Amino acid sequence: MAYESKIKDEFTEELFKAILKLETMEDCYRFFEDICTIKEIQSISQRLEVAKLLKGGKTYNEIEDKTGASAATISRVSRCLHYGSDGYKLILQRLEEN
């Protein structure tokens, strides 16, 4: 069965096509600095780090100390890891492979 996203629409589709066209780390920095606020980028990157730490068995307190993430953010990421669309699992696995 194919995955059906809750956020899929024509604008999101174009955004994701654009992201898939990025070829280098510099491309990523340039694009995301233009399309997102600094705070948005920091929030997204913080959530990814929280996911890595949760997967690594760290406690909420350890994660909060290392990342500055709130308990609510850590809880949300944890729910996504356990009950979400497996996006975190997919990317964390791919990052480990590299």
N, C-alpha and C. Protein backbone atom coordinates (compact mmCIF):
# COMPACT_ATOMS: atom_id res chain seq x y z
N MET A 1 0.84 -1.17 0.00
CA MET A 1 0.00 0.00 0.00
C MET A 1 0.89 1.25 0.00
N ALA A 2 0.60 2.20 -0.86
CA ALA A 2 1.36 3.44 -0.96
C ALA A 2 1.02 4.35 0.21
N TYR A 3 2.01 5.13 0.63
CA TYR A 3 1.80 6.07 1.72
C TYR A 3 1.01 7.26 1.22
N GLU A 4 -0.01 7.65 1.96
CA GLU A 4 -0.83 8.82 1.62
C GLU A 4 -0.63 9.89 2.69
N SER A 5 0.01 10.98 2.32
CA SER A 5 0.33 12.05 3.26
C SER A 5 -0.88 12.90 3.59
N LYS A 6 -0.91 13.39 4.84
CA LYS A 6 -1.97 14.30 5.27
C LYS A 6 -1.71 15.72 4.79
N ILE A 7 -0.49 16.02 4.38
CA ILE A 7 -0.13 17.39 4.00
C ILE A 7 0.02 17.58 2.49
N LYS A 8 -0.27 16.55 1.73
CA LYS A 8 -0.03 16.60 0.29
C LYS A 8 -0.99 17.57 -0.40
N ASP A 9 -0.39 18.53 -1.11
CA ASP A 9 -1.13 19.41 -2.00
C ASP A 9 -0.14 19.90 -3.05
N GLU A 10 -0.61 20.69 -3.99
CA GLU A 10 0.26 21.09 -5.11
C GLU A 10 1.44 21.94 -4.66
N PHE A 11 1.26 22.79 -3.64
CA PHE A 11 2.35 23.64 -3.18
C PHE A 11 3.41 22.83 -2.43
N THR A 12 2.97 21.91 -1.60
CA THR A 12 3.90 21.06 -0.87
C THR A 12 4.66 20.17 -1.84
N GLU A 13 3.97 19.68 -2.83
CA GLU A 13 4.60 18.84 -3.86
C GLU A 13 5.74 19.61 -4.55
N GLU A 14 5.50 20.86 -4.89
CA GLU A 14 6.53 21.69 -5.54
C GLU A 14 7.69 21.96 -4.59
N LEU A 15 7.39 22.21 -3.32
CA LEU A 15 8.45 22.43 -2.34
C LEU A 15 9.35 21.21 -2.25
N PHE A 16 8.75 20.03 -2.14
CA PHE A 16 9.55 18.82 -2.00
C PHE A 16 10.33 18.51 -3.27
N LYS A 17 9.78 18.81 -4.43
CA LYS A 17 10.53 18.66 -5.68
C LYS A 17 11.75 19.58 -5.66
N ALA A 18 11.56 20.80 -5.17
CA ALA A 18 12.67 21.75 -5.09
C ALA A 18 13.75 21.23 -4.14
N ILE A 19 13.35 20.72 -2.98
CA ILE A 19 14.31 20.21 -2.01
C ILE A 19 15.11 19.05 -2.61
N LEU A 20 14.45 18.20 -3.36
CA LEU A 20 15.14 17.07 -3.99
C LEU A 20 16.14 17.50 -5.06
N LYS A 21 16.04 18.73 -5.53
CA LYS A 21 16.99 19.27 -6.52
C LYS A 21 18.26 19.82 -5.88
N LEU A 22 18.28 19.99 -4.56
CA LEU A 22 19.47 20.50 -3.88
C LEU A 22 20.57 19.44 -3.97
N GLU A 23 21.77 19.87 -4.34
CA GLU A 23 22.84 18.92 -4.58
C GLU A 23 23.97 18.97 -3.57
N THR A 24 24.19 20.10 -2.94
CA THR A 24 25.31 20.24 -2.01
C THR A 24 24.83 20.83 -0.69
N MET A 25 25.69 20.75 0.31
CA MET A 25 25.39 21.36 1.60
C MET A 25 25.22 22.87 1.42
N GLU A 26 26.05 23.48 0.58
CA GLU A 26 25.92 24.92 0.33
C GLU A 26 24.57 25.24 -0.30
N ASP A 27 24.12 24.40 -1.25
CA ASP A 27 22.79 24.59 -1.84
C ASP A 27 21.72 24.60 -0.74
N CYS A 28 21.84 23.67 0.20
CA CYS A 28 20.86 23.56 1.29
C CYS A 28 20.87 24.81 2.15
N TYR A 29 22.05 25.25 2.55
CA TYR A 29 22.13 26.46 3.37
C TYR A 29 21.50 27.65 2.64
N ARG A 30 21.85 27.82 1.38
CA ARG A 30 21.35 28.98 0.63
C ARG A 30 19.82 28.93 0.49
N PHE A 31 19.30 27.78 0.13
CA PHE A 31 17.85 27.64 -0.08
C PHE A 31 17.09 27.83 1.23
N PHE A 32 17.52 27.11 2.28
CA PHE A 32 16.77 27.16 3.53
C PHE A 32 16.90 28.51 4.23
N GLU A 33 18.03 29.19 4.07
CA GLU A 33 18.15 30.53 4.63
C GLU A 33 17.19 31.50 3.95
N ASP A 34 16.90 31.27 2.68
CA ASP A 34 15.96 32.13 1.96
C ASP A 34 14.51 31.77 2.25
N ILE A 35 14.20 30.49 2.38
CA ILE A 35 12.80 30.07 2.47
C ILE A 35 12.28 29.99 3.90
N CYS A 36 13.18 29.86 4.88
CA CYS A 36 12.78 29.74 6.28
C CYS A 36 13.40 30.87 7.11
N THR A 37 12.79 31.13 8.24
CA THR A 37 13.43 32.03 9.19
C THR A 37 14.53 31.24 9.91
N ILE A 38 15.44 31.95 10.53
CA ILE A 38 16.49 31.28 11.31
C ILE A 38 15.86 30.43 12.40
N LYS A 39 14.84 30.95 13.05
CA LYS A 39 14.16 30.22 14.14
C LYS A 39 13.51 28.93 13.62
N GLU A 40 12.91 28.98 12.44
CA GLU A 40 12.30 27.77 11.86
C GLU A 40 13.35 26.70 11.59
N ILE A 41 14.48 27.11 11.03
CA ILE A 41 15.56 26.16 10.76
C ILE A 41 16.09 25.58 12.06
N GLN A 42 16.28 26.44 13.06
CA GLN A 42 16.77 25.96 14.36
C GLN A 42 15.78 24.99 15.00
N SER A 43 14.49 25.26 14.89
CA SER A 43 13.48 24.38 15.47
C SER A 43 13.46 23.02 14.78
N ILE A 44 13.53 23.01 13.47
CA ILE A 44 13.54 21.76 12.72
C ILE A 44 14.79 20.95 13.06
N SER A 45 15.95 21.61 13.07
CA SER A 45 17.19 20.89 13.36
C SER A 45 17.21 20.39 14.80
N GLN A 46 16.62 21.16 15.72
CA GLN A 46 16.53 20.71 17.11
C GLN A 46 15.68 19.45 17.21
N ARG A 47 14.55 19.41 16.49
CA ARG A 47 13.69 18.23 16.54
C ARG A 47 14.39 16.99 16.00
N LEU A 48 15.20 17.17 14.95
CA LEU A 48 15.95 16.03 14.42
C LEU A 48 16.96 15.53 15.45
N GLU A 49 17.63 16.45 16.13
CA GLU A 49 18.58 16.05 17.17
C GLU A 49 17.87 15.35 18.32
N VAL A 50 16.70 15.84 18.70
CA VAL A 50 15.89 15.19 19.74
C VAL A 50 15.56 13.76 19.31
N ALA A 51 15.18 13.57 18.06
CA ALA A 51 14.85 12.23 17.56
C ALA A 51 16.07 11.31 17.65
N LYS A 52 17.24 11.81 17.28
CA LYS A 52 18.46 11.00 17.37
C LYS A 52 18.72 10.58 18.80
N LEU A 53 18.58 11.53 19.72
CA LEU A 53 18.85 11.24 21.12
C LEU A 53 17.83 10.27 21.72
N LEU A 54 16.55 10.44 21.36
CA LEU A 54 15.53 9.50 21.82
C LEU A 54 15.83 8.10 21.31
N LYS A 55 16.17 8.01 20.04
CA LYS A 55 16.49 6.71 19.45
C LYS A 55 17.69 6.09 20.14
N GLY A 56 18.59 6.95 20.61
CA GLY A 56 19.78 6.47 21.31
C GLY A 56 19.55 6.16 22.78
N GLY A 57 18.29 6.28 23.24
CA GLY A 57 17.95 5.89 24.59
C GLY A 57 18.16 6.96 25.65
N LYS A 58 18.39 8.19 25.25
CA LYS A 58 18.58 9.27 26.23
C LYS A 58 17.26 9.63 26.90
N THR A 59 17.35 10.13 28.13
CA THR A 59 16.17 10.53 28.88
C THR A 59 15.74 11.93 28.47
N TYR A 60 14.51 12.28 28.82
CA TYR A 60 14.02 13.63 28.53
C TYR A 60 14.93 14.68 29.16
N ASN A 61 15.37 14.46 30.40
CA ASN A 61 16.25 15.43 31.06
C ASN A 61 17.58 15.58 30.33
N GLU A 62 18.16 14.47 29.91
CA GLU A 62 19.42 14.53 29.16
C GLU A 62 19.23 15.29 27.84
N ILE A 63 18.11 15.03 27.18
CA ILE A 63 17.83 15.68 25.90
C ILE A 63 17.59 17.17 26.10
N GLU A 64 16.84 17.50 27.13
CA GLU A 64 16.57 18.91 27.42
C GLU A 64 17.87 19.65 27.71
N ASP A 65 18.75 19.04 28.50
CA ASP A 65 20.04 19.66 28.83
C ASP A 65 20.91 19.86 27.59
N LYS A 66 20.93 18.86 26.70
CA LYS A 66 21.80 18.94 25.53
C LYS A 66 21.25 19.87 24.45
N THR A 67 19.94 19.86 24.24
CA THR A 67 19.36 20.59 23.09
C THR A 67 18.63 21.87 23.46
N GLY A 68 18.21 21.97 24.71
CA GLY A 68 17.38 23.11 25.11
C GLY A 68 15.92 22.94 24.71
N ALA A 69 15.57 21.78 24.19
CA ALA A 69 14.19 21.51 23.77
C ALA A 69 13.30 21.39 25.00
N SER A 70 12.07 21.84 24.85
CA SER A 70 11.10 21.74 25.95
C SER A 70 10.61 20.30 26.05
N ALA A 71 10.03 19.99 27.21
CA ALA A 71 9.44 18.66 27.40
C ALA A 71 8.33 18.42 26.38
N ALA A 72 7.59 19.47 26.02
CA ALA A 72 6.53 19.32 25.02
C ALA A 72 7.10 18.95 23.65
N THR A 73 8.20 19.58 23.27
CA THR A 73 8.84 19.25 21.99
C THR A 73 9.36 17.82 22.00
N ILE A 74 10.02 17.45 23.08
CA ILE A 74 10.56 16.09 23.19
C ILE A 74 9.43 15.07 23.13
N SER A 75 8.33 15.35 23.82
CA SER A 75 7.18 14.45 23.82
C SER A 75 6.58 14.33 22.41
N ARG A 76 6.48 15.45 21.71
CA ARG A 76 5.92 15.43 20.35
C ARG A 76 6.79 14.58 19.42
N VAL A 77 8.10 14.78 19.50
CA VAL A 77 9.01 13.99 18.67
C VAL A 77 8.90 12.51 19.03
N SER A 78 8.82 12.22 20.32
CA SER A 78 8.67 10.83 20.77
C SER A 78 7.41 10.19 20.19
N ARG A 79 6.31 10.93 20.23
CA ARG A 79 5.05 10.41 19.64
C ARG A 79 5.22 10.13 18.15
N CYS A 80 5.91 11.04 17.45
CA CYS A 80 6.13 10.83 16.02
C CYS A 80 7.00 9.60 15.78
N LEU A 81 7.99 9.39 16.62
CA LEU A 81 8.85 8.21 16.47
C LEU A 81 8.07 6.92 16.66
N HIS A 82 7.10 6.95 17.57
CA HIS A 82 6.35 5.73 17.87
C HIS A 82 5.08 5.56 17.04
N TYR A 83 4.42 6.66 16.73
CA TYR A 83 3.09 6.57 16.10
C TYR A 83 2.96 7.40 14.82
N GLY A 84 4.05 7.98 14.37
CA GLY A 84 3.98 8.88 13.22
C GLY A 84 4.07 8.16 11.89
N SER A 85 4.51 8.87 10.90
CA SER A 85 4.58 8.38 9.52
C SER A 85 5.90 7.69 9.19
N ASP A 86 6.73 7.48 10.21
CA ASP A 86 8.05 6.84 10.07
C ASP A 86 9.07 7.69 9.33
N GLY A 87 8.81 8.98 9.22
CA GLY A 87 9.75 9.88 8.57
C GLY A 87 11.06 10.01 9.33
N TYR A 88 10.95 10.16 10.66
CA TYR A 88 12.17 10.22 11.47
C TYR A 88 12.95 8.92 11.34
N LYS A 89 12.27 7.80 11.46
CA LYS A 89 12.95 6.50 11.38
C LYS A 89 13.68 6.35 10.05
N LEU A 90 13.03 6.75 8.98
CA LEU A 90 13.62 6.65 7.65
C LEU A 90 14.90 7.47 7.55
N ILE A 91 14.82 8.74 7.96
CA ILE A 91 15.99 9.60 7.79
C ILE A 91 17.09 9.24 8.77
N LEU A 92 16.75 8.85 9.99
CA LEU A 92 17.78 8.46 10.95
C LEU A 92 18.53 7.21 10.47
N GLN A 93 17.80 6.28 9.90
CA GLN A 93 18.44 5.08 9.34
C GLN A 93 19.38 5.47 8.20
N ARG A 94 18.94 6.34 7.32
CA ARG A 94 19.78 6.76 6.20
C ARG A 94 21.00 7.54 6.67
N LEU A 95 20.83 8.35 7.69
CA LEU A 95 21.98 9.09 8.23
C LEU A 95 23.00 8.14 8.86
N GLU A 96 22.51 7.09 9.52
CA GLU A 96 23.42 6.10 10.12
C GLU A 96 24.19 5.35 9.06
N GLU A 97 23.58 5.13 7.89
CA GLU A 97 24.24 4.39 6.81
C GLU A 97 25.40 5.17 6.23
N ASN A 98 25.39 6.47 6.37
CA ASN A 98 26.46 7.31 5.80
C ASN A 98 27.54 7.53 6.77
